[in-house]
Protein backbone atom coordinates (compact mmCIF):
# COMPACT_ATOMS: atom_id res chain seq x y z
CA MET A 1 -2.07 51.70 -7.64
CA PRO A 2 -1.29 48.18 -6.47
CA GLY A 3 1.46 46.00 -7.82
CA TYR A 4 1.25 42.22 -8.11
CA ALA A 5 3.47 39.18 -8.01
CA ILE A 6 1.79 36.49 -10.10
CA ALA A 7 3.08 32.94 -10.36
CA ASN A 8 2.09 29.60 -11.81
CA LEU A 9 3.77 26.62 -10.16
CA TRP A 10 3.72 23.00 -11.29
CA ASP A 11 5.58 19.79 -10.54
CA VAL A 12 6.04 20.97 -6.97
CA ASP A 13 8.11 18.62 -4.85
CA LEU A 14 6.55 19.18 -1.44
CA ASN A 15 9.70 18.59 0.58
CA ALA A 16 11.47 20.25 3.52
CA GLU A 17 12.76 23.12 1.35
CA ILE A 18 9.27 24.01 0.11
CA VAL A 19 7.95 23.82 3.67
CA GLU A 20 10.72 26.19 4.78
CA TYR A 21 9.90 28.55 1.88
CA LEU A 22 6.24 28.62 2.93
CA GLU A 23 7.18 29.18 6.57
CA ARG A 24 9.38 32.16 5.67
CA ILE A 25 7.65 33.95 2.77
CA ASP A 26 5.08 35.85 4.86
CA SER A 27 7.80 37.62 6.83
CA THR A 28 9.52 38.68 3.57
CA MET A 29 6.29 40.27 2.29
CA GLU A 30 5.30 42.05 5.52
CA PRO A 31 7.76 45.00 5.30
CA PHE A 32 6.52 45.73 1.77
CA GLY A 33 2.79 45.46 2.52
CA GLY A 34 2.30 42.24 0.55
CA LYS A 35 -0.70 39.99 1.02
CA PHE A 36 -1.89 36.86 -0.72
CA LEU A 37 -4.98 37.28 -2.90
CA VAL A 38 -4.80 33.81 -4.46
CA HIS A 39 -2.78 30.98 -2.92
CA GLY A 40 -4.01 27.41 -3.11
CA GLY A 41 -7.68 26.84 -2.45
CA THR A 42 -10.22 26.21 -5.16
CA GLN A 43 -8.86 26.73 -8.66
CA GLN A 44 -10.71 25.52 -11.73
CA VAL A 45 -9.18 25.43 -15.20
CA ILE A 46 -11.89 26.48 -17.65
CA GLU A 47 -9.83 26.94 -20.83
CA GLY A 48 -6.76 25.25 -22.22
CA PRO A 49 -4.38 22.76 -20.68
CA ALA A 50 -3.09 23.58 -17.24
CA ASN A 51 -1.46 21.69 -14.46
CA ALA A 52 -0.26 24.68 -12.45
CA VAL A 53 -1.39 26.36 -9.27
CA ALA A 54 -1.93 30.11 -9.59
CA ILE A 55 -0.65 32.50 -6.93
CA VAL A 56 -1.34 36.24 -6.75
CA ILE A 57 0.24 38.52 -4.14
CA GLU A 58 -0.83 42.17 -3.92
CA PHE A 59 1.45 45.01 -2.82
CA PRO A 60 0.58 48.69 -2.26
CA ASP A 61 2.28 49.72 -5.51
CA HIS A 62 4.53 48.45 -8.28
CA GLN A 63 7.69 49.73 -6.60
CA ALA A 64 6.83 47.76 -3.45
CA VAL A 65 6.54 44.49 -5.40
CA LEU A 66 9.88 45.18 -7.12
CA ASP A 67 11.52 46.02 -3.80
CA TRP A 68 10.12 42.84 -2.18
CA TYR A 69 11.32 40.58 -5.00
CA GLU A 70 14.80 42.12 -4.95
CA SER A 71 15.03 42.19 -1.13
CA ALA A 72 17.74 40.19 0.59
CA ALA A 73 15.09 38.37 2.65
CA TYR A 74 13.19 37.12 -0.41
CA GLN A 75 16.29 36.38 -2.46
CA ALA A 76 17.52 34.22 0.44
CA ILE A 77 14.48 31.92 0.19
CA LEU A 78 13.86 32.05 -3.57
CA PRO A 79 16.23 29.13 -4.31
CA LEU A 80 14.15 26.95 -1.98
CA ARG A 81 11.23 27.33 -4.41
CA VAL A 82 12.98 27.32 -7.77
CA ARG A 83 14.95 24.17 -6.94
CA ASN A 84 11.75 22.29 -6.18
CA CYS A 85 9.20 23.20 -8.84
CA SER A 86 8.71 24.51 -12.34
CA SER A 87 7.29 28.01 -12.45
CA VAL A 88 6.54 31.21 -14.28
CA ALA A 89 6.66 34.41 -12.22
CA ILE A 90 5.54 37.87 -13.27
CA LEU A 91 5.67 41.25 -11.53
CA ALA A 92 2.91 43.53 -12.78
CA ALA A 93 1.41 46.95 -12.13
CA ASP A 94 -2.32 47.47 -11.66
CA CYS A 95 -3.95 48.75 -14.86
CA GLY A 96 -6.24 51.18 -13.03
CA ALA A 97 -9.95 51.33 -12.32
CA ASP A 98 -10.82 53.12 -15.56
CA HIS A 99 -8.96 50.64 -17.82
CA VAL A 100 -10.84 49.16 -20.78
CA ALA A 101 -9.63 46.32 -22.99
CA THR A 102 -8.79 48.53 -25.96
CA ASP A 103 -6.34 50.59 -23.86
CA VAL A 104 -3.69 47.97 -24.66
CA LEU A 105 -3.94 48.97 -28.33
CA LYS A 106 -2.40 52.33 -27.42
CA GLU A 107 0.79 50.45 -26.46
CA VAL A 108 1.08 48.65 -29.82
CA VAL A 109 3.79 50.02 -32.06
CA THR A 110 2.96 49.77 -35.75
CA ASN A 111 5.38 49.83 -38.64
CA GLU A 112 3.28 52.01 -40.87
């Protein structure tokens, strides 16, 4: 099942370092099968306050997204982004085609 890198970025300083990051990120994802699903374009906030841009990158599986993030190539450009914006980044596994909302209740630990 796919793995995902999900980020929200705000207060982006669109400077030479961010341009370099954008010019180099595709080549860091390629060896791991990563592709952008959401990156810029039309984004509409429909609930709550938000001033961030959402980004979603899909990889063939969760291990591939972990390997990409930890790769020397990505780690080399990561400071270019983090120095020039505020962000939240998440690495996540696909929940599967048969997932239903109540499946998350199975993960809840109760103190009963």
